[in-house]
Amino acid sequence: MGEQIRLARMRRKISVALAAERAGVSRASVWAVEKGSAAVAIGIYAAVLHAISGMDTDLLRVAADDELGQKLHDIELLKKYHPEGK
């Protein structure tokens, strides 16, 4: 993921310094994100993604088409309101 963020930033010709300034984080944090560091908080990832042209909106679509999750949720709802399977 970090490599993809780095490539996106570079394609947009945004320097690490500018990405850091826009995100409100240090350059070291941007570098850590681009290395894919697990020690970086998800909020910093989101801030950096937002800093490189609003890419944080992709995070909102992570589970948007979760058909299996929706079916499992529906089964639980049916069990809750019809505990005997009726």
N, C-alpha and C. Protein backbone atom coordinates (compact mmCIF):
# COMPACT_ATOMS: atom_id res chain seq x y z
N MET A 1 0.82 -1.18 0.00
CA MET A 1 0.00 0.00 0.00
C MET A 1 0.87 1.26 0.00
N GLY A 2 1.93 1.23 0.77
CA GLY A 2 2.82 2.38 0.84
C GLY A 2 3.40 2.74 -0.50
N GLU A 3 3.80 1.72 -1.24
CA GLU A 3 4.38 1.97 -2.56
C GLU A 3 3.36 2.62 -3.49
N GLN A 4 2.11 2.19 -3.41
CA GLN A 4 1.05 2.77 -4.24
C GLN A 4 0.81 4.24 -3.88
N ILE A 5 0.88 4.54 -2.58
CA ILE A 5 0.73 5.93 -2.14
C ILE A 5 1.88 6.77 -2.67
N ARG A 6 3.09 6.23 -2.57
CA ARG A 6 4.27 6.95 -3.06
C ARG A 6 4.15 7.23 -4.56
N LEU A 7 3.76 6.21 -5.32
CA LEU A 7 3.62 6.40 -6.76
C LEU A 7 2.54 7.43 -7.09
N ALA A 8 1.43 7.39 -6.36
CA ALA A 8 0.36 8.37 -6.59
C ALA A 8 0.86 9.79 -6.32
N ARG A 9 1.61 9.95 -5.22
CA ARG A 9 2.15 11.27 -4.91
C ARG A 9 3.10 11.74 -6.00
N MET A 10 3.97 10.85 -6.44
CA MET A 10 4.95 11.22 -7.46
C MET A 10 4.28 11.53 -8.80
N ARG A 11 3.26 10.76 -9.17
CA ARG A 11 2.55 11.03 -10.43
C ARG A 11 1.92 12.41 -10.42
N ARG A 12 1.49 12.85 -9.25
CA ARG A 12 0.86 14.15 -9.12
C ARG A 12 1.89 15.27 -8.92
N LYS A 13 3.16 14.88 -8.92
CA LYS A 13 4.27 15.82 -8.78
C LYS A 13 4.18 16.63 -7.47
N ILE A 14 3.83 15.90 -6.39
CA ILE A 14 3.75 16.51 -5.07
C ILE A 14 4.97 16.06 -4.28
N SER A 15 5.72 17.01 -3.76
CA SER A 15 6.91 16.66 -2.99
C SER A 15 6.51 16.09 -1.63
N VAL A 16 7.45 15.40 -1.01
CA VAL A 16 7.21 14.87 0.33
C VAL A 16 6.92 16.03 1.28
N ALA A 17 7.68 17.12 1.14
CA ALA A 17 7.49 18.28 2.01
C ALA A 17 6.09 18.86 1.86
N LEU A 18 5.60 18.97 0.63
CA LEU A 18 4.27 19.52 0.41
C LEU A 18 3.20 18.57 0.93
N ALA A 19 3.36 17.28 0.68
CA ALA A 19 2.40 16.29 1.19
C ALA A 19 2.34 16.36 2.72
N ALA A 20 3.50 16.47 3.35
CA ALA A 20 3.56 16.55 4.81
C ALA A 20 2.86 17.82 5.31
N GLU A 21 3.14 18.94 4.64
CA GLU A 21 2.51 20.21 5.05
C GLU A 21 1.00 20.13 4.92
N ARG A 22 0.52 19.64 3.79
CA ARG A 22 -0.93 19.52 3.57
C ARG A 22 -1.58 18.57 4.57
N ALA A 23 -0.87 17.50 4.91
CA ALA A 23 -1.41 16.48 5.83
C ALA A 23 -1.28 16.89 7.29
N GLY A 24 -0.43 17.88 7.55
CA GLY A 24 -0.20 18.30 8.93
C GLY A 24 0.64 17.32 9.71
N VAL A 25 1.55 16.64 9.00
CA VAL A 25 2.44 15.67 9.63
C VAL A 25 3.88 15.98 9.22
N SER A 26 4.81 15.26 9.80
CA SER A 26 6.21 15.47 9.44
C SER A 26 6.55 14.72 8.14
N ARG A 27 7.66 15.12 7.54
CA ARG A 27 8.13 14.40 6.35
C ARG A 27 8.45 12.96 6.70
N ALA A 28 8.97 12.74 7.92
CA ALA A 28 9.28 11.38 8.36
C ALA A 28 8.01 10.52 8.39
N SER A 29 6.88 11.13 8.76
CA SER A 29 5.61 10.39 8.77
C SER A 29 5.19 10.01 7.35
N VAL A 30 5.37 10.94 6.41
CA VAL A 30 5.04 10.63 5.01
C VAL A 30 5.93 9.50 4.51
N TRP A 31 7.22 9.55 4.83
CA TRP A 31 8.13 8.48 4.41
C TRP A 31 7.72 7.15 5.02
N ALA A 32 7.29 7.18 6.30
CA ALA A 32 6.86 5.95 6.97
C ALA A 32 5.61 5.37 6.29
N VAL A 33 4.69 6.25 5.91
CA VAL A 33 3.49 5.82 5.19
C VAL A 33 3.90 5.17 3.87
N GLU A 34 4.81 5.81 3.16
CA GLU A 34 5.23 5.31 1.85
C GLU A 34 6.03 4.02 1.96
N LYS A 35 6.56 3.73 3.13
CA LYS A 35 7.25 2.45 3.36
C LYS A 35 6.26 1.39 3.81
N GLY A 36 5.02 1.79 4.08
CA GLY A 36 4.00 0.85 4.52
C GLY A 36 4.13 0.46 5.98
N SER A 37 4.71 1.32 6.77
CA SER A 37 4.93 1.02 8.18
C SER A 37 3.63 0.75 8.93
N ALA A 38 3.60 -0.36 9.65
CA ALA A 38 2.44 -0.71 10.46
C ALA A 38 2.38 0.12 11.74
N ALA A 39 3.47 0.80 12.06
CA ALA A 39 3.53 1.62 13.28
C ALA A 39 2.85 2.97 13.10
N VAL A 40 2.45 3.29 11.88
CA VAL A 40 1.82 4.58 11.60
C VAL A 40 0.30 4.44 11.78
N ALA A 41 -0.28 5.37 12.50
CA ALA A 41 -1.73 5.34 12.75
C ALA A 41 -2.51 5.49 11.44
N ILE A 42 -3.66 4.85 11.38
CA ILE A 42 -4.49 4.90 10.18
C ILE A 42 -4.90 6.34 9.86
N GLY A 43 -5.02 7.18 10.88
CA GLY A 43 -5.37 8.58 10.65
C GLY A 43 -4.30 9.31 9.86
N ILE A 44 -3.05 8.95 10.08
CA ILE A 44 -1.96 9.58 9.32
C ILE A 44 -2.00 9.10 7.88
N TYR A 45 -2.28 7.80 7.68
CA TYR A 45 -2.45 7.31 6.30
C TYR A 45 -3.55 8.11 5.60
N ALA A 46 -4.69 8.29 6.28
CA ALA A 46 -5.81 9.03 5.69
C ALA A 46 -5.43 10.47 5.40
N ALA A 47 -4.69 11.11 6.31
CA ALA A 47 -4.27 12.50 6.10
C ALA A 47 -3.36 12.62 4.90
N VAL A 48 -2.44 11.69 4.75
CA VAL A 48 -1.52 11.71 3.60
C VAL A 48 -2.29 11.45 2.32
N LEU A 49 -3.20 10.48 2.33
CA LEU A 49 -4.02 10.23 1.15
C LEU A 49 -4.82 11.46 0.76
N HIS A 50 -5.37 12.14 1.74
CA HIS A 50 -6.13 13.36 1.47
C HIS A 50 -5.21 14.45 0.90
N ALA A 51 -4.01 14.52 1.39
CA ALA A 51 -3.05 15.53 0.95
C ALA A 51 -2.64 15.36 -0.50
N ILE A 52 -2.74 14.14 -1.01
CA ILE A 52 -2.37 13.94 -2.42
C ILE A 52 -3.63 13.83 -3.28
N SER A 53 -4.48 14.82 -3.12
CA SER A 53 -5.65 15.02 -3.98
C SER A 53 -6.89 14.25 -3.57
N GLY A 54 -7.19 14.23 -2.30
CA GLY A 54 -8.45 13.67 -1.85
C GLY A 54 -8.60 12.18 -2.00
N MET A 55 -7.49 11.46 -2.04
CA MET A 55 -7.57 10.01 -2.23
C MET A 55 -8.12 9.28 -1.02
N ASP A 56 -8.31 9.96 0.10
CA ASP A 56 -8.85 9.32 1.29
C ASP A 56 -10.28 8.85 1.07
N THR A 57 -10.98 9.38 0.08
CA THR A 57 -12.34 8.93 -0.18
C THR A 57 -12.38 7.47 -0.58
N ASP A 58 -11.26 6.93 -1.10
CA ASP A 58 -11.19 5.50 -1.43
C ASP A 58 -11.34 4.65 -0.19
N LEU A 59 -10.93 5.15 0.98
CA LEU A 59 -11.06 4.39 2.22
C LEU A 59 -12.52 4.16 2.56
N LEU A 60 -13.38 5.06 2.17
CA LEU A 60 -14.80 4.93 2.48
C LEU A 60 -15.46 3.82 1.67
N ARG A 61 -14.81 3.39 0.60
CA ARG A 61 -15.38 2.35 -0.26
C ARG A 61 -14.86 0.95 0.06
N VAL A 62 -14.10 0.82 1.13
CA VAL A 62 -13.47 -0.47 1.44
C VAL A 62 -14.50 -1.58 1.54
N ALA A 63 -15.61 -1.35 2.22
CA ALA A 63 -16.61 -2.40 2.39
C ALA A 63 -17.91 -2.08 1.66
N ALA A 64 -17.87 -1.20 0.71
CA ALA A 64 -19.08 -0.77 0.02
C ALA A 64 -19.80 -1.90 -0.70
N ASP A 65 -19.07 -2.82 -1.30
CA ASP A 65 -19.67 -3.91 -2.05
C ASP A 65 -19.48 -5.24 -1.34
N ASP A 66 -19.65 -5.24 -0.05
CA ASP A 66 -19.43 -6.44 0.75
C ASP A 66 -20.69 -7.30 0.76
N GLU A 67 -20.90 -8.05 -0.31
CA GLU A 67 -22.10 -8.87 -0.45
C GLU A 67 -22.19 -9.94 0.63
N LEU A 68 -21.09 -10.62 0.91
CA LEU A 68 -21.10 -11.66 1.93
C LEU A 68 -21.44 -11.07 3.29
N GLY A 69 -20.82 -9.96 3.65
CA GLY A 69 -21.10 -9.31 4.92
C GLY A 69 -22.56 -8.91 5.04
N GLN A 70 -23.13 -8.41 3.95
CA GLN A 70 -24.54 -8.01 3.94
C GLN A 70 -25.44 -9.22 4.14
N LYS A 71 -25.14 -10.34 3.48
CA LYS A 71 -25.95 -11.55 3.63
C LYS A 71 -25.87 -12.09 5.06
N LEU A 72 -24.67 -12.09 5.63
CA LEU A 72 -24.52 -12.54 7.02
C LEU A 72 -25.29 -11.65 7.97
N HIS A 73 -25.26 -10.37 7.73
CA HIS A 73 -26.00 -9.41 8.56
C HIS A 73 -27.51 -9.67 8.44
N ASP A 74 -27.97 -9.89 7.22
CA ASP A 74 -29.40 -10.16 7.00
C ASP A 74 -29.84 -11.43 7.71
N ILE A 75 -29.01 -12.47 7.69
CA ILE A 75 -29.32 -13.73 8.39
C ILE A 75 -29.48 -13.47 9.88
N GLU A 76 -28.56 -12.70 10.46
CA GLU A 76 -28.64 -12.37 11.89
C GLU A 76 -29.91 -11.58 12.21
N LEU A 77 -30.28 -10.66 11.32
CA LEU A 77 -31.51 -9.89 11.54
C LEU A 77 -32.73 -10.79 11.51
N LEU A 78 -32.74 -11.72 10.56
CA LEU A 78 -33.88 -12.65 10.48
C LEU A 78 -33.97 -13.52 11.73
N LYS A 79 -32.84 -13.98 12.22
CA LYS A 79 -32.82 -14.80 13.45
C LYS A 79 -33.33 -13.99 14.63
N LYS A 80 -32.98 -12.72 14.68
CA LYS A 80 -33.36 -11.86 15.79
C LYS A 80 -34.88 -11.66 15.84
N TYR A 81 -35.48 -11.46 14.68
CA TYR A 81 -36.93 -11.18 14.63
C TYR A 81 -37.77 -12.43 14.42
N HIS A 82 -37.14 -13.52 14.03
CA HIS A 82 -37.86 -14.79 13.86
C HIS A 82 -36.99 -15.90 14.45
N PRO A 83 -36.85 -15.94 15.79
CA PRO A 83 -35.93 -16.87 16.42
C PRO A 83 -36.23 -18.34 16.15
N GLU A 84 -37.43 -18.68 15.78
CA GLU A 84 -37.77 -20.08 15.52
C GLU A 84 -37.69 -20.42 14.04
N GLY A 85 -37.16 -19.47 13.24
CA GLY A 85 -36.99 -19.71 11.81
C GLY A 85 -38.27 -19.57 11.01
N LYS A 86 -39.29 -18.96 11.58
CA LYS A 86 -40.59 -18.81 10.89
C LYS A 86 -40.60 -17.58 10.03
